[in-house]
Structures are given as C-alpha cells and as structure tokens.
Amino acid sequence: MINLVSITDLKQNTSGVINQVKTKGEPVAVIQRSELAAVLVSPKHYKKLEEALEDLDDLRVIEERKNEPTIPFETVAKKLGLKLK
C-alpha cells in the first residue's frame, strides 16, 4: 500500500518523509489540493522502474520486427571483415 503525505506535511518534515522512503523502500504519494502531485520513490525502486520500461520497449521493438527478413550471421560477419572459426 502506498503511503500518502500532504504537500504541507512534506514541507514541514521533508527529511522525515525522505527517510521513510529510504528506510522502508516504499513509495510516498504527495497530495496537493486533494490531487496526486508527485510520488517519491527510492533510487533503487526508480532504477527498477527504468529497467522495466526499457525491457518493455525492447519487447515492443522485437514484436514489431519479428516478421522482417533476417540476414544470416555469416553475411554480416563477412561485411564487417570478421573471421569465423
């Protein structure tokens, strides 16, 4: 469950809120005028989210290209001047 904090509480206790995110590792949603204004996450959690988005994008590209013609590895290696064993 995501923790909620008002923008006023965040202003008054910024260090405490950030420490909560760091120690518990759980996101904190910041509410301003009854609306979601921001979500604070730990750097570790943010990195995981970035990696997941990159993986999803890679899967999307693979799906888009799955019916494209392929080029044999040997042909590419020859064009690049690579010697195969």
PDB file of N, CA and C in Angstrom:
ATOM      1  N   MET A   1       0.843  -1.185   0.000  1.00  0.00           N
ATOM      2  CA  MET A   1       0.000   0.000   0.000  1.00  0.00           C
ATOM      3  C   MET A   1       0.887   1.246   0.000  1.00  0.00           C
ATOM      4  N   ILE A   2       0.519   2.196  -0.791  1.00  0.00           N
ATOM      5  CA  ILE A   2       1.299   3.423  -0.905  1.00  0.00           C
ATOM      6  C   ILE A   2       0.955   4.368   0.248  1.00  0.00           C
ATOM      7  N   ASN A   3       1.975   5.000   0.784  1.00  0.00           N
ATOM      8  CA  ASN A   3       1.786   5.965   1.863  1.00  0.00           C
ATOM      9  C   ASN A   3       1.440   7.325   1.269  1.00  0.00           C
ATOM     10  N   LEU A   4       0.564   8.053   1.945  1.00  0.00           N
ATOM     11  CA  LEU A   4       0.154   9.376   1.490  1.00  0.00           C
ATOM     12  C   LEU A   4       0.685  10.433   2.437  1.00  0.00           C
ATOM     13  N   VAL A   5       1.081  11.568   1.872  1.00  0.00           N
ATOM     14  CA  VAL A   5       1.519  12.711   2.672  1.00  0.00           C
ATOM     15  C   VAL A   5       1.055  13.973   1.958  1.00  0.00           C
ATOM     16  N   SER A   6       0.583  14.937   2.715  1.00  0.00           N
ATOM     17  CA  SER A   6       0.162  16.202   2.098  1.00  0.00           C
ATOM     18  C   SER A   6       1.396  17.030   1.764  1.00  0.00           C
ATOM     19  N   ILE A   7       1.231  17.946   0.858  1.00  0.00           N
ATOM     20  CA  ILE A   7       2.340  18.823   0.479  1.00  0.00           C
ATOM     21  C   ILE A   7       2.785  19.651   1.688  1.00  0.00           C
ATOM     22  N   THR A   8       1.842  20.016   2.548  1.00  0.00           N
ATOM     23  CA  THR A   8       2.167  20.773   3.763  1.00  0.00           C
ATOM     24  C   THR A   8       3.037  19.940   4.690  1.00  0.00           C
ATOM     25  N   ASP A   9       2.646  18.668   4.896  1.00  0.00           N
ATOM     26  CA  ASP A   9       3.459  17.779   5.742  1.00  0.00           C
ATOM     27  C   ASP A   9       4.842  17.569   5.143  1.00  0.00           C
ATOM     28  N   LEU A  10       4.913  17.468   3.832  1.00  0.00           N
ATOM     29  CA  LEU A  10       6.205  17.296   3.168  1.00  0.00           C
ATOM     30  C   LEU A  10       7.095  18.518   3.396  1.00  0.00           C
ATOM     31  N   LYS A  11       6.513  19.703   3.291  1.00  0.00           N
ATOM     32  CA  LYS A  11       7.275  20.930   3.524  1.00  0.00           C
ATOM     33  C   LYS A  11       7.790  20.992   4.962  1.00  0.00           C
ATOM     34  N   GLN A  12       6.944  20.592   5.903  1.00  0.00           N
ATOM     35  CA  GLN A  12       7.297  20.685   7.321  1.00  0.00           C
ATOM     36  C   GLN A  12       8.241  19.583   7.767  1.00  0.00           C
ATOM     37  N   ASN A  13       8.230  18.451   7.077  1.00  0.00           N
ATOM     38  CA  ASN A  13       9.022  17.302   7.516  1.00  0.00           C
ATOM     39  C   ASN A  13       9.681  16.601   6.322  1.00  0.00           C
ATOM     40  N   THR A  14      10.345  17.366   5.484  1.00  0.00           N
ATOM     41  CA  THR A  14      10.963  16.819   4.279  1.00  0.00           C
ATOM     42  C   THR A  14      11.935  15.690   4.603  1.00  0.00           C
ATOM     43  N   SER A  15      12.816  15.925   5.556  1.00  0.00           N
ATOM     44  CA  SER A  15      13.803  14.897   5.925  1.00  0.00           C
ATOM     45  C   SER A  15      13.135  13.624   6.417  1.00  0.00           C
ATOM     46  N   GLY A  16      12.095  13.765   7.214  1.00  0.00           N
ATOM     47  CA  GLY A  16      11.390  12.593   7.740  1.00  0.00           C
ATOM     48  C   GLY A  16      10.728  11.780   6.645  1.00  0.00           C
ATOM     49  N   VAL A  17      10.103  12.459   5.694  1.00  0.00           N
ATOM     50  CA  VAL A  17       9.433  11.765   4.591  1.00  0.00           C
ATOM     51  C   VAL A  17      10.464  11.059   3.719  1.00  0.00           C
ATOM     52  N   ILE A  18      11.542  11.743   3.394  1.00  0.00           N
ATOM     53  CA  ILE A  18      12.585  11.128   2.574  1.00  0.00           C
ATOM     54  C   ILE A  18      13.211   9.947   3.317  1.00  0.00           C
ATOM     55  N   ASN A  19      13.425  10.088   4.596  1.00  0.00           N
ATOM     56  CA  ASN A  19      13.970   8.984   5.384  1.00  0.00           C
ATOM     57  C   ASN A  19      13.024   7.784   5.379  1.00  0.00           C
ATOM     58  N   GLN A  20      11.721   8.051   5.426  1.00  0.00           N
ATOM     59  CA  GLN A  20      10.724   6.976   5.361  1.00  0.00           C
ATOM     60  C   GLN A  20      10.827   6.226   4.037  1.00  0.00           C
ATOM     61  N   VAL A  21      10.992   6.961   2.943  1.00  0.00           N
ATOM     62  CA  VAL A  21      11.134   6.332   1.620  1.00  0.00           C
ATOM     63  C   VAL A  21      12.398   5.482   1.584  1.00  0.00           C
ATOM     64  N   LYS A  22      13.489   6.038   2.124  1.00  0.00           N
ATOM     65  CA  LYS A  22      14.768   5.323   2.099  1.00  0.00           C
ATOM     66  C   LYS A  22      14.748   4.074   2.981  1.00  0.00           C
ATOM     67  N   THR A  23      14.221   4.183   4.193  1.00  0.00           N
ATOM     68  CA  THR A  23      14.291   3.057   5.127  1.00  0.00           C
ATOM     69  C   THR A  23      13.272   1.974   4.825  1.00  0.00           C
ATOM     70  N   LYS A  24      12.042   2.365   4.500  1.00  0.00           N
ATOM     71  CA  LYS A  24      11.002   1.372   4.221  1.00  0.00           C
ATOM     72  C   LYS A  24      11.040   0.885   2.778  1.00  0.00           C
ATOM     73  N   GLY A  25      11.617   1.705   1.892  1.00  0.00           N
ATOM     74  CA  GLY A  25      11.676   1.323   0.481  1.00  0.00           C
ATOM     75  C   GLY A  25      10.338   1.395  -0.220  1.00  0.00           C
ATOM     76  N   GLU A  26       9.355   2.013   0.437  1.00  0.00           N
ATOM     77  CA  GLU A  26       8.019   2.112  -0.143  1.00  0.00           C
ATOM     78  C   GLU A  26       7.786   3.518  -0.695  1.00  0.00           C
ATOM     79  N   PRO A  27       7.063   3.628  -1.798  1.00  0.00           N
ATOM     80  CA  PRO A  27       6.772   4.942  -2.357  1.00  0.00           C
ATOM     81  C   PRO A  27       5.895   5.777  -1.420  1.00  0.00           C
ATOM     82  N   VAL A  28       5.999   7.077  -1.542  1.00  0.00           N
ATOM     83  CA  VAL A  28       5.149   8.011  -0.812  1.00  0.00           C
ATOM     84  C   VAL A  28       4.496   8.925  -1.845  1.00  0.00           C
ATOM     85  N   ALA A  29       3.174   8.973  -1.819  1.00  0.00           N
ATOM     86  CA  ALA A  29       2.426   9.848  -2.720  1.00  0.00           C
ATOM     87  C   ALA A  29       2.219  11.187  -2.040  1.00  0.00           C
ATOM     88  N   VAL A  30       2.497  12.258  -2.770  1.00  0.00           N
ATOM     89  CA  VAL A  30       2.333  13.609  -2.247  1.00  0.00           C
ATOM     90  C   VAL A  30       1.025  14.175  -2.802  1.00  0.00           C
ATOM     91  N   ILE A  31       0.158  14.598  -1.891  1.00  0.00           N
ATOM     92  CA  ILE A  31      -1.156  15.116  -2.264  1.00  0.00           C
ATOM     93  C   ILE A  31      -1.162  16.636  -2.106  1.00  0.00           C
ATOM     94  N   GLN A  32      -1.651  17.324  -3.139  1.00  0.00           N
ATOM     95  CA  GLN A  32      -1.773  18.779  -3.105  1.00  0.00           C
ATOM     96  C   GLN A  32      -3.169  19.141  -3.572  1.00  0.00           C
ATOM     97  N   ARG A  33      -3.912  19.815  -2.731  1.00  0.00           N
ATOM     98  CA  ARG A  33      -5.295  20.203  -3.041  1.00  0.00           C
ATOM     99  C   ARG A  33      -6.134  18.997  -3.457  1.00  0.00           C
ATOM    100  N   SER A  34      -6.005  17.924  -2.695  1.00  0.00           N
ATOM    101  CA  SER A  34      -6.783  16.687  -2.885  1.00  0.00           C
ATOM    102  C   SER A  34      -6.454  15.938  -4.180  1.00  0.00           C
ATOM    103  N   GLU A  35      -5.349  16.307  -4.812  1.00  0.00           N
ATOM    104  CA  GLU A  35      -4.940  15.602  -6.032  1.00  0.00           C
ATOM    105  C   GLU A  35      -3.511  15.104  -5.892  1.00  0.00           C
ATOM    106  N   LEU A  36      -3.212  14.014  -6.551  1.00  0.00           N
ATOM    107  CA  LEU A  36      -1.861  13.480  -6.559  1.00  0.00           C
ATOM    108  C   LEU A  36      -0.939  14.458  -7.279  1.00  0.00           C
ATOM    109  N   ALA A  37       0.110  14.898  -6.585  1.00  0.00           N
ATOM    110  CA  ALA A  37       1.035  15.869  -7.167  1.00  0.00           C
ATOM    111  C   ALA A  37       2.359  15.233  -7.545  1.00  0.00           C
ATOM    112  N   ALA A  38       2.782  14.219  -6.780  1.00  0.00           N
ATOM    113  CA  ALA A  38       4.073  13.577  -7.044  1.00  0.00           C
ATOM    114  C   ALA A  38       4.123  12.256  -6.293  1.00  0.00           C
ATOM    115  N   VAL A  39       5.082  11.428  -6.700  1.00  0.00           N
ATOM    116  CA  VAL A  39       5.349  10.178  -5.995  1.00  0.00           C
ATOM    117  C   VAL A  39       6.843  10.119  -5.740  1.00  0.00           C
ATOM    118  N   LEU A  40       7.212   9.940  -4.488  1.00  0.00           N
ATOM    119  CA  LEU A  40       8.619   9.808  -4.122  1.00  0.00           C
ATOM    120  C   LEU A  40       8.962   8.334  -4.009  1.00  0.00           C
ATOM    121  N   VAL A  41      10.026   7.926  -4.679  1.00  0.00           N
ATOM    122  CA  VAL A  41      10.475   6.538  -4.616  1.00  0.00           C
ATOM    123  C   VAL A  41      11.973   6.516  -4.335  1.00  0.00           C
ATOM    124  N   SER A  42      12.445   5.402  -3.815  1.00  0.00           N
ATOM    125  CA  SER A  42      13.869   5.259  -3.551  1.00  0.00           C
ATOM    126  C   SER A  42      14.620   5.141  -4.876  1.00  0.00           C
ATOM    127  N   PRO A  43      15.898   5.488  -4.878  1.00  0.00           N
ATOM    128  CA  PRO A  43      16.683   5.340  -6.107  1.00  0.00           C
ATOM    129  C   PRO A  43      16.673   3.904  -6.637  1.00  0.00           C
ATOM    130  N   LYS A  44      16.708   2.928  -5.736  1.00  0.00           N
ATOM    131  CA  LYS A  44      16.689   1.516  -6.138  1.00  0.00           C
ATOM    132  C   LYS A  44      15.381   1.187  -6.876  1.00  0.00           C
ATOM    133  N   HIS A  45      14.269   1.657  -6.324  1.00  0.00           N
ATOM    134  CA  HIS A  45      12.957   1.416  -6.931  1.00  0.00           C
ATOM    135  C   HIS A  45      12.869   2.126  -8.291  1.00  0.00           C
ATOM    136  N   TYR A  46      13.370   3.343  -8.353  1.00  0.00           N
ATOM    137  CA  TYR A  46      13.361   4.103  -9.598  1.00  0.00           C
ATOM    138  C   TYR A  46      14.162   3.388 -10.680  1.00  0.00           C
ATOM    139  N   LYS A  47      15.323   2.868 -10.306  1.00  0.00           N
ATOM    140  CA  LYS A  47      16.174   2.142 -11.251  1.00  0.00           C
ATOM    141  C   LYS A  47      15.439   0.914 -11.801  1.00  0.00           C
ATOM    142  N   LYS A  48      14.747   0.190 -10.906  1.00  0.00           N
ATOM    143  CA  LYS A  48      13.978  -0.981 -11.348  1.00  0.00           C
ATOM    144  C   LYS A  48      12.882  -0.575 -12.326  1.00  0.00           C
ATOM    145  N   LEU A  49      12.221   0.536 -12.053  1.00  0.00           N
ATOM    146  CA  LEU A  49      11.173   1.013 -12.952  1.00  0.00           C
ATOM    147  C   LEU A  49      11.750   1.384 -14.316  1.00  0.00           C
ATOM    148  N   GLU A  50      12.892   2.066 -14.316  1.00  0.00           N
ATOM    149  CA  GLU A  50      13.553   2.414 -15.579  1.00  0.00           C
ATOM    150  C   GLU A  50      13.901   1.171 -16.380  1.00  0.00           C
ATOM    151  N   GLU A  51      14.475   0.171 -15.712  1.00  0.00           N
ATOM    152  CA  GLU A  51      14.866  -1.064 -16.389  1.00  0.00           C
ATOM    153  C   GLU A  51      13.650  -1.795 -16.945  1.00  0.00           C
ATOM    154  N   ALA A  52      12.562  -1.802 -16.183  1.00  0.00           N
ATOM    155  CA  ALA A  52      11.340  -2.464 -16.644  1.00  0.00           C
ATOM    156  C   ALA A  52      10.787  -1.767 -17.892  1.00  0.00           C
ATOM    157  N   LEU A  53      10.818  -0.434 -17.907  1.00  0.00           N
ATOM    158  CA  LEU A  53      10.347   0.302 -19.081  1.00  0.00           C
ATOM    159  C   LEU A  53      11.229   0.042 -20.295  1.00  0.00           C
ATOM    160  N   GLU A  54      12.536  -0.029 -20.076  1.00  0.00           N
ATOM    161  CA  GLU A  54      13.453  -0.337 -21.181  1.00  0.00           C
ATOM    162  C   GLU A  54      13.188  -1.738 -21.723  1.00  0.00           C
ATOM    163  N   ASP A  55      12.951  -2.695 -20.821  1.00  0.00           N
ATOM    164  CA  ASP A  55      12.639  -4.064 -21.255  1.00  0.00           C
ATOM    165  C   ASP A  55      11.351  -4.096 -22.063  1.00  0.00           C
ATOM    166  N   LEU A  56      10.330  -3.370 -21.612  1.00  0.00           N
ATOM    167  CA  LEU A  56       9.067  -3.322 -22.349  1.00  0.00           C
ATOM    168  C   LEU A  56       9.256  -2.707 -23.730  1.00  0.00           C
ATOM    169  N   ASP A  57      10.071  -1.670 -23.800  1.00  0.00           N
ATOM    170  CA  ASP A  57      10.339  -1.045 -25.096  1.00  0.00           C
ATOM    171  C   ASP A  57      11.080  -2.013 -26.018  1.00  0.00           C
ATOM    172  N   ASP A  58      12.047  -2.750 -25.470  1.00  0.00           N
ATOM    173  CA  ASP A  58      12.769  -3.746 -26.271  1.00  0.00           C
ATOM    174  C   ASP A  58      11.803  -4.808 -26.793  1.00  0.00           C
ATOM    175  N   LEU A  59      10.889  -5.270 -25.946  1.00  0.00           N
ATOM    176  CA  LEU A  59       9.908  -6.276 -26.365  1.00  0.00           C
ATOM    177  C   LEU A  59       8.997  -5.730 -27.463  1.00  0.00           C
ATOM    178  N   ARG A  60       8.636  -4.460 -27.358  1.00  0.00           N
ATOM    179  CA  ARG A  60       7.792  -3.837 -28.377  1.00  0.00           C
ATOM    180  C   ARG A  60       8.521  -3.814 -29.726  1.00  0.00           C
ATOM    181  N   VAL A  61       9.792  -3.452 -29.716  1.00  0.00           N
ATOM    182  CA  VAL A  61      10.581  -3.400 -30.950  1.00  0.00           C
ATOM    183  C   VAL A  61      10.720  -4.804 -31.544  1.00  0.00           C
ATOM    184  N   ILE A  62      10.991  -5.780 -30.700  1.00  0.00           N
ATOM    185  CA  ILE A  62      11.111  -7.169 -31.175  1.00  0.00           C
ATOM    186  C   ILE A  62       9.809  -7.610 -31.822  1.00  0.00           C
ATOM    187  N   GLU A  63       8.693  -7.300 -31.186  1.00  0.00           N
ATOM    188  CA  GLU A  63       7.388  -7.686 -31.723  1.00  0.00           C
ATOM    189  C   GLU A  63       7.141  -7.013 -33.074  1.00  0.00           C
ATOM    190  N   GLU A  64       7.508  -5.739 -33.189  1.00  0.00           N
ATOM    191  CA  GLU A  64       7.309  -5.018 -34.450  1.00  0.00           C
ATOM    192  C   GLU A  64       8.161  -5.597 -35.575  1.00  0.00           C
ATOM    193  N   ARG A  65       9.336  -6.111 -35.232  1.00  0.00           N
ATOM    194  CA  ARG A  65      10.282  -6.567 -36.251  1.00  0.00           C
ATOM    195  C   ARG A  65      10.279  -8.073 -36.490  1.00  0.00           C
ATOM    196  N   LYS A  66       9.420  -8.800 -35.823  1.00  0.00           N
ATOM    197  CA  LYS A  66       9.502 -10.262 -35.898  1.00  0.00           C
ATOM    198  C   LYS A  66       9.248 -10.823 -37.294  1.00  0.00           C
ATOM    199  N   ASN A  67       8.550 -10.106 -38.134  1.00  0.00           N
ATOM    200  CA  ASN A  67       8.258 -10.601 -39.481  1.00  0.00           C
ATOM    201  C   ASN A  67       9.172 -10.012 -40.548  1.00  0.00           C
ATOM    202  N   GLU A  68      10.146  -9.199 -40.138  1.00  0.00           N
ATOM    203  CA  GLU A  68      11.089  -8.631 -41.100  1.00  0.00           C
ATOM    204  C   GLU A  68      12.063  -9.707 -41.560  1.00  0.00           C
ATOM    205  N   PRO A  69      12.566  -9.567 -42.777  1.00  0.00           N
ATOM    206  CA  PRO A  69      13.543 -10.556 -43.253  1.00  0.00           C
ATOM    207  C   PRO A  69      14.819 -10.489 -42.412  1.00  0.00           C
ATOM    208  N   THR A  70      15.463 -11.630 -42.270  1.00  0.00           N
ATOM    209  CA  THR A  70      16.698 -11.707 -41.489  1.00  0.00           C
ATOM    210  C   THR A  70      17.905 -11.828 -42.406  1.00  0.00           C
ATOM    211  N   ILE A  71      19.061 -11.502 -41.852  1.00  0.00           N
ATOM    212  CA  ILE A  71      20.324 -11.625 -42.588  1.00  0.00           C
ATOM    213  C   ILE A  71      21.175 -12.638 -41.828  1.00  0.00           C
ATOM    214  N   PRO A  72      21.663 -13.660 -42.507  1.00  0.00           N
ATOM    215  CA  PRO A  72      22.486 -14.660 -41.817  1.00  0.00           C
ATOM    216  C   PRO A  72      23.721 -14.021 -41.168  1.00  0.00           C
ATOM    217  N   PHE A  73      24.114 -14.539 -40.033  1.00  0.00           N
ATOM    218  CA  PHE A  73      25.268 -14.027 -39.295  1.00  0.00           C
ATOM    219  C   PHE A  73      26.522 -14.033 -40.158  1.00  0.00           C
ATOM    220  N   GLU A  74      26.704 -15.075 -40.921  1.00  0.00           N
ATOM    221  CA  GLU A  74      27.890 -15.197 -41.764  1.00  0.00           C
ATOM    222  C   GLU A  74      27.996 -14.030 -42.754  1.00  0.00           C
ATOM    223  N   THR A  75      26.861 -13.588 -43.295  1.00  0.00           N
ATOM    224  CA  THR A  75      26.841 -12.468 -44.232  1.00  0.00           C
ATOM    225  C   THR A  75      27.258 -11.172 -43.535  1.00  0.00           C
ATOM    226  N   VAL A  76      26.722 -10.955 -42.350  1.00  0.00           N
ATOM    227  CA  VAL A  76      27.073  -9.755 -41.579  1.00  0.00           C
ATOM    228  C   VAL A  76      28.546  -9.794 -41.198  1.00  0.00           C
ATOM    229  N   ALA A  77      29.010 -10.940 -40.729  1.00  0.00           N
ATOM    230  CA  ALA A  77      30.419 -11.078 -40.331  1.00  0.00           C
ATOM    231  C   ALA A  77      31.340 -10.786 -41.510  1.00  0.00           C
ATOM    232  N   LYS A  78      30.979 -11.276 -42.680  1.00  0.00           N
ATOM    233  CA  LYS A  78      31.803 -11.054 -43.863  1.00  0.00           C
ATOM    234  C   LYS A  78      31.843  -9.568 -44.220  1.00  0.00           C
ATOM    235  N   LYS A  79      30.696  -8.892 -44.166  1.00  0.00           N
ATOM    236  CA  LYS A  79      30.650  -7.458 -44.455  1.00  0.00           C
ATOM    237  C   LYS A  79      31.485  -6.660 -43.466  1.00  0.00           C
ATOM    238  N   LEU A  80      31.557  -7.123 -42.229  1.00  0.00           N
ATOM    239  CA  LEU A  80      32.326  -6.418 -41.203  1.00  0.00           C
ATOM    240  C   LEU A  80      33.793  -6.840 -41.180  1.00  0.00           C
ATOM    241  N   GLY A  81      34.131  -7.796 -42.002  1.00  0.00           N
ATOM    242  CA  GLY A  81      35.507  -8.266 -42.065  1.00  0.00           C
ATOM    243  C   GLY A  81      35.897  -9.148 -40.894  1.00  0.00           C
ATOM    244  N   LEU A  82      34.926  -9.780 -40.278  1.00  0.00           N
ATOM    245  CA  LEU A  82      35.210 -10.669 -39.148  1.00  0.00           C
ATOM    246  C   LEU A  82      35.560 -12.054 -39.663  1.00  0.00           C
ATOM    247  N   LYS A  83      36.506 -12.675 -39.030  1.00  0.00           N
ATOM    248  CA  LYS A  83      36.892 -14.035 -39.399  1.00  0.00           C
ATOM    249  C   LYS A  83      36.196 -15.010 -38.471  1.00  0.00           C
ATOM    250  N   LEU A  84      35.533 -15.981 -39.071  1.00  0.00           N
ATOM    251  CA  LEU A  84      34.848 -17.002 -38.296  1.00  0.00           C
ATOM    252  C   LEU A  84      35.742 -18.222 -38.145  1.00  0.00           C
ATOM    253  N   LYS A  85      35.676 -18.842 -36.998  1.00  0.00           N
ATOM    254  CA  LYS A  85      36.493 -20.030 -36.744  1.00  0.00           C
ATOM    255  C   LYS A  85      35.877 -21.251 -37.363  1.00  0.00           C
TER     256      LYS A  85
END
